[in-house]
Amino acid sequence: MSDTDLIPDHQATVNRLMERLSNFAQEIGMSGTDAREIINRVIASEPSAGDGDVMVMARTWMLIALE
């Protein structure tokens, strides 16, 4: 069992946050695939974090990934 299997509705959460962060990812020139992977990793690293916190961390990780 993977870490993401432990989080209820993990994929639904990823999809919801991907919709909300897709414009940001496009603006910084990041592919949707890379953005989705970062969102997955953020959720896996902080499974109890709310959407707002995950979005802040995901934006930060996306910017770091571009360096």
C-alpha atoms as a PDB file:
ATOM      1  CA  MET A   1       0.000   0.000   0.000  1.00  0.00           C
ATOM      2  CA  SER A   2       1.418   3.381  -0.948  1.00  0.00           C
ATOM      3  CA  ASP A   3       1.262   6.526   1.178  1.00  0.00           C
ATOM      4  CA  THR A   4      -1.368   8.009  -1.108  1.00  0.00           C
ATOM      5  CA  ASP A   5      -3.655   5.004  -0.524  1.00  0.00           C
ATOM      6  CA  LEU A   6      -3.861   6.012   3.130  1.00  0.00           C
ATOM      7  CA  ILE A   7      -5.411   9.394   2.351  1.00  0.00           C
ATOM      8  CA  PRO A   8      -9.160   9.270   1.714  1.00  0.00           C
ATOM      9  CA  ASP A   9     -10.150  10.765  -1.626  1.00  0.00           C
ATOM     10  CA  HIS A  10      -6.521  11.583  -2.415  1.00  0.00           C
ATOM     11  CA  GLN A  11      -7.110  11.705  -6.153  1.00  0.00           C
ATOM     12  CA  ALA A  12     -10.181  13.914  -5.760  1.00  0.00           C
ATOM     13  CA  THR A  13      -8.118  16.309  -3.648  1.00  0.00           C
ATOM     14  CA  VAL A  14      -5.319  16.365  -6.224  1.00  0.00           C
ATOM     15  CA  ASN A  15      -7.802  17.054  -9.014  1.00  0.00           C
ATOM     16  CA  ARG A  16      -9.514  19.850  -7.059  1.00  0.00           C
ATOM     17  CA  LEU A  17      -6.216  21.555  -6.211  1.00  0.00           C
ATOM     18  CA  MET A  18      -4.875  21.039  -9.716  1.00  0.00           C
ATOM     19  CA  GLU A  19      -7.846  23.005 -11.049  1.00  0.00           C
ATOM     20  CA  ARG A  20      -7.147  25.797  -8.600  1.00  0.00           C
ATOM     21  CA  LEU A  21      -3.395  25.893  -9.277  1.00  0.00           C
ATOM     22  CA  SER A  22      -3.371  25.276 -13.037  1.00  0.00           C
ATOM     23  CA  ASN A  23      -3.248  28.980 -13.948  1.00  0.00           C
ATOM     24  CA  PHE A  24      -0.346  29.541 -11.557  1.00  0.00           C
ATOM     25  CA  ALA A  25       1.540  26.582 -13.038  1.00  0.00           C
ATOM     26  CA  GLN A  26       0.951  27.867 -16.577  1.00  0.00           C
ATOM     27  CA  GLU A  27       2.069  31.378 -15.661  1.00  0.00           C
ATOM     28  CA  ILE A  28       5.405  30.108 -14.364  1.00  0.00           C
ATOM     29  CA  GLY A  29       5.853  27.782 -17.340  1.00  0.00           C
ATOM     30  CA  MET A  30       5.417  24.474 -15.509  1.00  0.00           C
ATOM     31  CA  SER A  31       3.816  21.508 -17.208  1.00  0.00           C
ATOM     32  CA  GLY A  32       0.586  20.109 -15.835  1.00  0.00           C
ATOM     33  CA  THR A  33       2.280  16.773 -15.234  1.00  0.00           C
ATOM     34  CA  ASP A  34       4.990  18.355 -13.087  1.00  0.00           C
ATOM     35  CA  ALA A  35       2.461  20.470 -11.189  1.00  0.00           C
ATOM     36  CA  ARG A  36       0.290  17.414 -10.470  1.00  0.00           C
ATOM     37  CA  GLU A  37       3.320  15.491  -9.179  1.00  0.00           C
ATOM     38  CA  ILE A  38       4.227  18.338  -6.844  1.00  0.00           C
ATOM     39  CA  ILE A  39       0.667  18.517  -5.521  1.00  0.00           C
ATOM     40  CA  ASN A  40       0.747  14.744  -4.936  1.00  0.00           C
ATOM     41  CA  ARG A  41       4.004  15.040  -3.019  1.00  0.00           C
ATOM     42  CA  VAL A  42       2.787  17.957  -0.893  1.00  0.00           C
ATOM     43  CA  ILE A  43      -0.358  16.055   0.090  1.00  0.00           C
ATOM     44  CA  ALA A  44       1.695  12.951   0.895  1.00  0.00           C
ATOM     45  CA  SER A  45       4.112  14.970   3.026  1.00  0.00           C
ATOM     46  CA  GLU A  46       1.363  16.809   4.945  1.00  0.00           C
ATOM     47  CA  PRO A  47      -1.734  14.586   4.857  1.00  0.00           C
ATOM     48  CA  SER A  48      -3.577  16.562   7.525  1.00  0.00           C
ATOM     49  CA  ALA A  49      -3.039  19.963   5.889  1.00  0.00           C
ATOM     50  CA  GLY A  50      -6.055  21.843   4.556  1.00  0.00           C
ATOM     51  CA  ASP A  51      -6.443  22.955   0.963  1.00  0.00           C
ATOM     52  CA  GLY A  52      -5.129  26.449   1.656  1.00  0.00           C
ATOM     53  CA  ASP A  53      -1.958  25.169   3.292  1.00  0.00           C
ATOM     54  CA  VAL A  54      -1.394  22.614   0.535  1.00  0.00           C
ATOM     55  CA  MET A  55      -1.804  25.321  -2.093  1.00  0.00           C
ATOM     56  CA  VAL A  56       0.754  27.563  -0.394  1.00  0.00           C
ATOM     57  CA  MET A  57       3.257  24.707  -0.084  1.00  0.00           C
ATOM     58  CA  ALA A  58       2.623  23.550  -3.667  1.00  0.00           C
ATOM     59  CA  ARG A  59       3.206  27.053  -5.060  1.00  0.00           C
ATOM     60  CA  THR A  60       6.442  27.282  -3.087  1.00  0.00           C
ATOM     61  CA  TRP A  61       7.622  23.859  -4.266  1.00  0.00           C
ATOM     62  CA  MET A  62       6.731  24.751  -7.860  1.00  0.00           C
ATOM     63  CA  LEU A  63       8.858  27.897  -7.688  1.00  0.00           C
ATOM     64  CA  ILE A  64      11.735  25.977  -6.116  1.00  0.00           C
ATOM     65  CA  ALA A  65      11.504  23.337  -8.847  1.00  0.00           C
ATOM     66  CA  LEU A  66      12.074  26.022 -11.478  1.00  0.00           C
ATOM     67  CA  GLU A  67      15.390  27.151 -10.010  1.00  0.00           C
END
